[in-house]
Protein backbone atom coordinates (compact mmCIF):
# COMPACT_ATOMS: atom_id res chain seq x y z
CA MET A 1 1.08 26.71 -10.39
CA SER A 2 -1.82 24.87 -11.27
CA ILE A 3 -3.15 22.08 -9.15
CA LYS A 4 -2.04 18.91 -10.35
CA ARG A 5 -4.27 15.36 -9.34
CA ILE A 6 -1.54 12.98 -8.44
CA LEU A 7 -3.98 9.74 -8.26
CA PHE A 8 -7.43 8.67 -7.96
CA LEU A 9 -6.42 5.78 -6.70
CA SER A 10 -8.18 1.80 -6.70
CA VAL A 11 -11.57 1.93 -5.17
CA PHE A 12 -10.24 -1.33 -3.68
CA ALA A 13 -8.50 -0.18 -0.34
CA LEU A 14 -7.75 -3.90 0.88
CA ILE A 15 -6.24 -6.27 -1.69
CA LEU A 16 -8.29 -9.67 -1.21
CA ILE A 17 -6.64 -12.72 -0.69
CA LEU A 18 -9.34 -14.78 -1.61
CA MET A 19 -9.32 -16.78 -4.64
CA PRO A 20 -6.75 -17.06 -7.25
CA GLY A 21 -6.33 -15.53 -10.40
CA CYS A 22 -7.95 -12.02 -11.06
CA ARG A 23 -10.58 -10.87 -13.51
CA LYS A 24 -10.92 -7.39 -15.60
CA MET A 25 -14.22 -5.31 -15.32
CA THR A 26 -15.63 -4.98 -18.54
CA GLU A 27 -19.15 -4.13 -17.39
CA THR A 28 -21.24 -2.46 -14.93
CA VAL A 29 -22.66 -5.19 -13.38
CA LYS A 30 -22.36 -8.72 -14.31
CA ASP A 31 -21.74 -12.19 -12.62
CA THR A 32 -18.76 -14.44 -12.78
CA LYS A 33 -18.78 -17.62 -14.88
CA THR A 34 -18.60 -20.42 -12.37
CA SER A 35 -18.57 -24.44 -12.64
CA ASP A 36 -19.85 -24.34 -9.13
CA ALA A 37 -23.51 -23.36 -9.68
CA SER A 38 -23.96 -23.28 -5.76
CA GLU A 39 -21.50 -20.15 -6.01
CA THR A 40 -22.30 -16.75 -7.46
CA SER A 41 -20.24 -13.65 -8.03
CA ARG A 42 -21.20 -10.03 -8.98
CA ILE A 43 -19.38 -7.00 -9.55
CA VAL A 44 -21.58 -3.87 -9.23
CA PHE A 45 -20.65 -0.31 -9.37
CA ALA A 46 -22.41 2.23 -6.97
CA MET A 47 -21.26 4.64 -4.35
CA ASP A 48 -18.23 5.54 -6.64
CA THR A 49 -17.12 2.30 -5.80
CA VAL A 50 -16.62 -1.01 -7.75
CA MET A 51 -18.31 -3.66 -5.64
CA ASP A 52 -17.31 -7.56 -5.62
CA ILE A 53 -19.95 -9.95 -3.77
CA LYS A 54 -19.46 -13.76 -3.67
CA MET A 55 -21.62 -15.58 -2.10
CA TYR A 56 -21.86 -19.78 -1.75
CA GLY A 57 -24.66 -21.59 -1.36
CA GLU A 58 -28.17 -23.28 -3.07
CA ASN A 59 -29.69 -19.86 -2.87
CA SER A 60 -26.53 -17.82 -3.52
CA LYS A 61 -28.13 -15.90 -6.81
CA ALA A 62 -31.10 -14.89 -5.12
CA ALA A 63 -29.58 -13.45 -2.50
CA VAL A 64 -27.08 -11.66 -4.67
CA ASP A 65 -29.70 -10.50 -6.91
CA GLU A 66 -31.72 -8.89 -3.51
CA CYS A 67 -28.27 -7.46 -2.45
CA GLU A 68 -27.94 -5.96 -6.01
CA LYS A 69 -31.63 -4.49 -5.27
CA GLU A 70 -30.31 -3.15 -1.93
CA ILE A 71 -27.41 -1.43 -2.85
CA TYR A 72 -29.05 0.66 -5.36
CA ARG A 73 -31.75 1.45 -3.12
CA LEU A 74 -29.67 2.62 -0.36
CA GLU A 75 -27.52 4.54 -2.63
CA LYS A 76 -30.35 6.50 -3.97
CA LEU A 77 -31.14 7.03 -0.29
CA PHE A 78 -27.74 8.49 0.83
CA SER A 79 -26.61 10.23 -2.26
CA ALA A 80 -25.57 14.06 -1.87
CA THR A 81 -25.75 14.13 -5.39
CA ASP A 82 -29.39 12.69 -6.26
CA PRO A 83 -32.13 15.17 -5.55
CA GLU A 84 -34.80 12.71 -5.13
CA GLY A 85 -32.42 10.80 -2.07
CA ASP A 86 -32.64 11.76 1.55
CA VAL A 87 -29.44 13.51 1.95
CA SER A 88 -29.96 16.20 -0.97
CA LYS A 89 -33.34 16.77 0.46
CA ILE A 90 -32.04 18.02 3.84
CA ASN A 91 -29.54 19.78 2.30
CA ASP A 92 -31.37 21.41 0.25
CA SER A 93 -33.62 22.45 3.04
CA ALA A 94 -31.08 23.39 5.67
CA GLY A 95 -32.72 25.01 8.26
CA GLU A 96 -36.34 23.17 8.20
CA TRP A 97 -37.45 19.57 9.03
CA SER A 98 -37.27 17.23 6.32
CA MET A 99 -38.91 13.74 6.72
CA VAL A 100 -36.68 10.82 6.09
CA SER A 101 -37.01 7.04 5.31
CA PRO A 102 -36.10 4.53 8.20
CA ASP A 103 -32.54 3.18 6.92
CA THR A 104 -31.50 7.42 6.56
CA LEU A 105 -32.95 7.86 9.94
CA GLU A 106 -30.88 5.02 11.74
CA LEU A 107 -27.48 5.62 9.87
CA MET A 108 -28.25 9.69 11.28
CA LYS A 109 -28.38 8.38 14.28
CA LEU A 110 -25.44 5.92 14.28
CA SER A 111 -23.25 9.08 12.76
CA LEU A 112 -24.30 11.19 15.46
CA GLU A 113 -23.45 8.27 18.00
CA PHE A 114 -20.17 7.64 16.76
CA SER A 115 -19.63 11.72 16.44
CA ALA A 116 -20.14 11.72 20.47
CA MET A 117 -18.40 8.80 21.35
CA THR A 118 -14.99 9.94 19.25
CA SER A 119 -15.46 13.46 20.59
CA GLY A 120 -16.47 15.05 17.13
CA ASN A 121 -13.49 13.14 15.47
CA PHE A 122 -15.61 11.40 13.23
CA ASP A 123 -18.19 14.11 11.79
CA ILE A 124 -20.68 13.80 9.06
CA THR A 125 -21.12 17.61 8.62
CA THR A 126 -17.98 17.78 6.93
CA TYR A 127 -19.41 18.39 2.96
CA ARG A 128 -18.90 21.68 2.42
CA ILE A 129 -15.53 21.70 3.09
CA LEU A 130 -15.08 18.59 1.17
CA LYS A 131 -16.45 20.36 -2.00
CA SER A 132 -14.92 23.28 -1.18
CA TRP A 133 -11.02 21.31 -1.60
CA GLY A 134 -12.67 19.67 -4.28
CA PHE A 135 -12.76 15.96 -3.17
CA THR A 136 -16.33 15.37 -4.42
CA THR A 137 -15.69 16.10 -8.18
CA GLY A 138 -11.89 15.35 -8.33
CA GLU A 139 -11.68 18.97 -9.25
CA TYR A 140 -9.09 19.80 -6.69
CA ARG A 141 -8.03 23.04 -5.30
CA LEU A 142 -6.77 24.63 -2.37
CA PRO A 143 -9.67 26.96 -0.30
CA SER A 144 -8.89 30.65 0.37
CA LYS A 145 -8.62 31.72 3.95
CA GLU A 146 -11.88 33.33 3.74
CA GLU A 147 -13.90 30.25 2.22
CA MET A 148 -12.18 28.36 5.48
CA ASP A 149 -12.99 30.79 7.82
CA SER A 150 -16.92 30.88 6.87
CA LEU A 151 -17.06 26.98 6.41
CA VAL A 152 -15.38 25.61 9.41
CA PRO A 153 -17.60 26.71 12.26
CA LEU A 154 -20.36 24.97 10.12
CA ILE A 155 -18.52 21.76 11.08
CA ASP A 156 -20.66 20.53 14.00
CA TYR A 157 -22.67 17.58 14.79
CA ASN A 158 -24.25 18.62 17.14
CA CYS A 159 -26.27 21.31 15.14
CA VAL A 160 -28.27 18.02 13.73
CA ASP A 161 -31.69 17.40 15.20
CA ILE A 162 -33.79 14.35 15.07
CA ASP A 163 -37.46 14.67 15.81
CA ASN A 164 -39.36 11.05 15.14
CA ASP A 165 -38.98 10.35 11.30
CA SER A 166 -37.79 13.90 10.61
CA VAL A 167 -33.81 15.75 10.46
CA ARG A 168 -32.90 19.43 10.63
CA ILE A 169 -29.66 20.50 9.91
CA LYS A 170 -28.39 24.28 10.89
CA GLU A 171 -29.01 26.47 8.23
CA GLY A 172 -25.81 26.73 5.85
CA GLN A 173 -24.74 23.07 6.84
CA GLN A 174 -24.81 20.34 4.78
CA ILE A 175 -23.91 16.36 5.50
CA ASP A 176 -22.50 13.34 3.97
CA PHE A 177 -22.61 9.93 4.69
CA GLY A 178 -19.71 9.13 2.58
CA GLY A 179 -17.64 8.02 5.56
CA ILE A 180 -20.21 5.36 6.74
CA ALA A 181 -22.51 4.67 4.22
CA LYS A 182 -20.70 2.10 2.95
CA GLY A 183 -20.23 -0.29 6.28
CA TYR A 184 -23.91 0.23 6.64
CA LEU A 185 -24.40 -0.85 3.61
CA ALA A 186 -22.21 -3.77 3.91
CA ASP A 187 -24.02 -4.56 7.19
CA ARG A 188 -27.33 -4.92 5.31
CA LEU A 189 -26.02 -7.22 2.86
CA VAL A 190 -24.93 -9.73 5.40
CA GLU A 191 -28.63 -9.22 6.84
CA THR A 192 -29.70 -10.02 3.59
CA ALA A 193 -27.13 -12.88 2.64
CA SER A 194 -28.28 -14.36 6.13
CA GLU A 195 -32.00 -13.52 5.53
CA ASN A 196 -31.75 -15.92 2.26
CA GLY A 197 -29.89 -18.76 3.86
CA VAL A 198 -26.24 -17.97 2.78
CA GLU A 199 -23.58 -19.30 5.35
CA SER A 200 -20.51 -18.41 3.10
CA ALA A 201 -19.75 -15.03 1.66
CA VAL A 202 -17.40 -12.38 1.19
CA ILE A 203 -18.82 -8.50 0.45
CA SER A 204 -16.23 -5.84 -0.75
CA LEU A 205 -16.88 -2.22 -1.43
CA GLY A 206 -13.72 -0.99 -1.57
CA GLY A 207 -12.14 -0.41 1.45
CA ASN A 208 -14.87 -2.33 3.22
CA VAL A 209 -14.99 -5.80 3.38
CA ALA A 210 -17.56 -8.16 5.22
CA VAL A 211 -17.40 -12.04 5.36
CA ILE A 212 -19.40 -14.70 6.43
CA GLY A 213 -18.63 -18.39 7.92
CA LYS A 214 -15.56 -19.68 6.25
CA ASN A 215 -14.45 -20.27 2.72
CA LYS A 216 -15.54 -23.04 0.55
CA GLU A 217 -12.88 -24.98 1.48
CA GLY A 218 -13.92 -24.67 5.06
CA ASN A 219 -10.68 -22.46 5.65
CA LEU A 220 -10.78 -18.84 7.41
CA TRP A 221 -11.51 -16.37 4.98
CA ARG A 222 -7.99 -14.58 4.62
CA VAL A 223 -8.15 -10.76 3.85
CA GLY A 224 -5.12 -8.84 3.13
CA ILE A 225 -4.57 -5.04 4.50
CA GLN A 226 -3.01 -2.73 1.30
CA ASP A 227 0.63 -1.18 1.63
CA PRO A 228 -0.15 2.52 1.85
CA VAL A 229 3.47 3.12 0.65
CA ASP A 230 3.59 0.49 -2.11
CA THR A 231 -0.14 -0.18 -3.69
CA ALA A 232 0.40 -2.61 -5.35
CA ASP A 233 1.41 -4.92 -2.58
CA TYR A 234 0.11 -5.66 0.78
CA LEU A 235 1.51 -5.22 4.32
CA GLY A 236 -0.28 -8.21 6.03
CA VAL A 237 -3.49 -10.59 6.05
CA VAL A 238 -5.68 -10.97 8.44
CA SER A 239 -7.57 -14.66 8.88
CA MET A 240 -11.16 -14.38 9.90
CA THR A 241 -14.63 -15.11 9.64
CA ASP A 242 -18.39 -13.63 10.88
CA THR A 243 -16.40 -10.02 10.51
CA SER A 244 -15.63 -6.97 9.06
CA VAL A 245 -11.90 -4.92 7.72
CA VAL A 246 -12.48 -1.51 6.69
CA THR A 247 -9.68 0.61 5.81
CA SER A 248 -9.14 4.55 5.68
CA GLY A 249 -5.85 6.00 4.31
CA SER A 250 -4.40 9.40 2.86
CA TYR A 251 -3.17 7.14 0.04
CA MET A 252 -6.37 6.78 -1.34
CA ARG A 253 -7.12 9.97 -2.64
CA TYR A 254 -5.29 13.05 -2.71
CA PHE A 255 -3.59 15.99 -4.99
CA GLU A 256 -0.31 17.87 -4.80
CA LYS A 257 0.26 21.61 -5.46
CA ASP A 258 3.45 23.33 -4.46
CA GLY A 259 5.13 20.38 -3.23
CA MET A 260 2.35 19.39 -0.53
CA VAL A 261 0.18 16.87 -0.21
CA TYR A 262 -3.28 17.06 0.63
CA HIS A 263 -5.56 14.05 1.07
CA HIS A 264 -9.39 13.45 1.42
CA ILE A 265 -9.83 12.72 5.19
CA ILE A 266 -10.28 15.75 6.48
CA ASP A 267 -10.22 17.01 10.81
CA PRO A 268 -13.23 18.36 11.42
CA PHE A 269 -11.62 20.90 14.01
CA THR A 270 -9.57 22.16 11.25
CA GLY A 271 -11.44 21.57 7.97
CA TYR A 272 -7.77 21.04 6.37
CA PRO A 273 -6.84 17.19 5.72
CA ALA A 274 -6.00 15.41 8.89
CA LYS A 275 -2.06 15.52 10.36
CA SER A 276 -2.01 12.67 12.39
CA GLY A 277 1.37 10.76 11.79
CA LEU A 278 -0.84 8.02 9.88
CA LEU A 279 -0.89 6.49 6.02
CA SER A 280 -3.42 4.12 6.71
CA MET A 281 -5.75 3.54 9.72
CA THR A 282 -8.00 -0.20 9.43
CA ILE A 283 -10.41 -1.60 12.01
CA ILE A 284 -11.33 -4.89 12.26
CA CYS A 285 -14.70 -5.62 14.15
CA LYS A 286 -18.27 -7.58 13.43
CA SER A 287 -20.38 -4.54 12.44
CA SER A 288 -19.29 -2.78 9.24
CA THR A 289 -20.91 0.33 10.18
CA LYS A 290 -18.97 0.74 13.25
CA ALA A 291 -15.43 -0.05 11.69
CA ASP A 292 -16.55 2.64 8.65
CA ALA A 293 -16.85 5.51 11.56
CA LEU A 294 -13.71 4.44 13.34
CA SER A 295 -11.14 3.80 10.38
CA THR A 296 -12.00 7.44 9.67
CA ALA A 297 -12.14 9.12 13.39
CA LEU A 298 -8.71 7.30 14.63
CA PHE A 299 -6.90 8.30 11.27
CA VAL A 300 -8.11 11.68 12.78
CA MET A 301 -7.17 10.89 15.87
CA GLY A 302 -3.31 9.58 15.32
CA LYS A 303 -2.02 6.38 16.33
CA ASP A 304 -0.94 7.90 20.28
CA LYS A 305 -5.24 8.86 20.89
CA ALA A 306 -6.49 5.64 18.86
CA LEU A 307 -4.74 3.61 21.28
CA GLU A 308 -6.22 5.22 23.85
CA TYR A 309 -9.91 4.93 22.71
CA TRP A 310 -9.04 1.46 21.90
CA GLU A 311 -8.13 0.59 25.74
CA LYS A 312 -11.53 2.32 26.70
CA THR A 313 -13.32 -0.61 25.42
CA LYS A 314 -11.31 -3.33 23.48
CA ASP A 315 -14.69 -4.17 21.41
CA PHE A 316 -12.18 -3.49 18.15
CA ASP A 317 -9.31 -3.91 17.07
CA PHE A 318 -6.39 -1.82 14.64
CA VAL A 319 -3.96 -2.40 12.26
CA ALA A 320 -2.24 1.50 12.00
CA VAL A 321 0.33 2.40 9.87
CA THR A 322 2.19 5.91 10.58
CA ASP A 323 4.64 7.86 8.56
CA ASP A 324 7.98 6.62 10.67
CA MET A 325 7.16 3.70 8.71
CA THR A 326 5.67 1.58 11.99
CA VAL A 327 2.53 -1.17 12.14
CA TYR A 328 0.61 -1.55 15.03
CA VAL A 329 -1.36 -4.09 15.67
CA THR A 330 -3.34 -4.40 18.86
CA GLU A 331 -4.00 -7.45 20.78
CA GLY A 332 -7.12 -9.26 19.72
CA ILE A 333 -5.91 -9.97 16.30
CA ALA A 334 -2.02 -10.60 16.99
CA GLY A 335 -2.57 -14.61 16.57
CA SER A 336 -4.73 -13.88 13.30
CA PHE A 337 -2.33 -11.63 11.67
CA ALA A 338 0.33 -12.52 9.34
CA PHE A 339 3.04 -9.83 9.00
CA LYS A 340 4.38 -9.35 5.47
CA ASP A 341 7.84 -8.50 6.34
CA ASN A 342 9.29 -7.11 3.22
CA GLY A 343 11.94 -4.66 5.31
CA ARG A 344 9.90 -1.40 4.47
CA TYR A 345 7.98 -1.66 8.04
CA GLU A 346 8.43 -2.64 11.92
CA LEU A 347 6.09 -4.53 13.43
CA VAL A 348 4.74 -3.42 16.83
CA LEU A 349 2.03 -5.63 19.07
CA LEU A 350 0.28 -3.81 21.27
């Protein structure tokens, strides 16, 4: 039976409840016209994601212009397919040292830190497995047992070495920043906005949302978390300021074969799509980089281990949706999370 591609769902893993109305994107990059000269809204396509940036203030256009430049600069550095990018160079010279840019070096160090912190549930060395499944191209397939046996041993963040401004991976390995790059980018865009005097902004990079200050009415930003079962709906809204919200979900990219569904969030220990009992994991914290890495790691862990991990530090919060139709919300955001009770889920406050 041939493999059937079910869905390359919306690049937006979060529904933004920020402004009334909606827009149809007709160009790769565009500004949205507004009667308020101090407001700039731009849509950019990069990292295989539609990115929506809204900034408010006298310097909003200059800030958005700088953000756009930063998006394309980091996209090139972190691309696993652009031969001139740092990641491609690292992969092409596996087993040897590759000199990289300061941003790549910083993101590499952060990636390895999160790998260690999560006991390997987040790992950037899964790229060859992702390619084998077809998740990098959309040409989905089931890897053979022989492929899995040869590729799974290559998944090991401990084999990545850093020396000054150079990186070396194990021969046969390949890396990919797909599980953390947009978080890092969001943090850089927040910095760029602040450097340009922007005090109010919302940055949506697909499933990664970061907000600065309050909206133009002076209220907290309201970010809706997508319902993983009915993706045209949302299951709740988080009211927040100066925070990031990042979601990982099995519904975002998957395919079906012989009645089985295979999603793109790989368990680094097995090489197969994670079977953790979760449909989605949303992380809320100040650092978008951290939220991005943890949303993947905690999805792989599953609800119980994710809760144990959260209890160790409580320096972030999460909204987890399990396949038994339960929504778990940690105490730090219990007061700012408005649950949409549509009869589908049971809400549990942790």
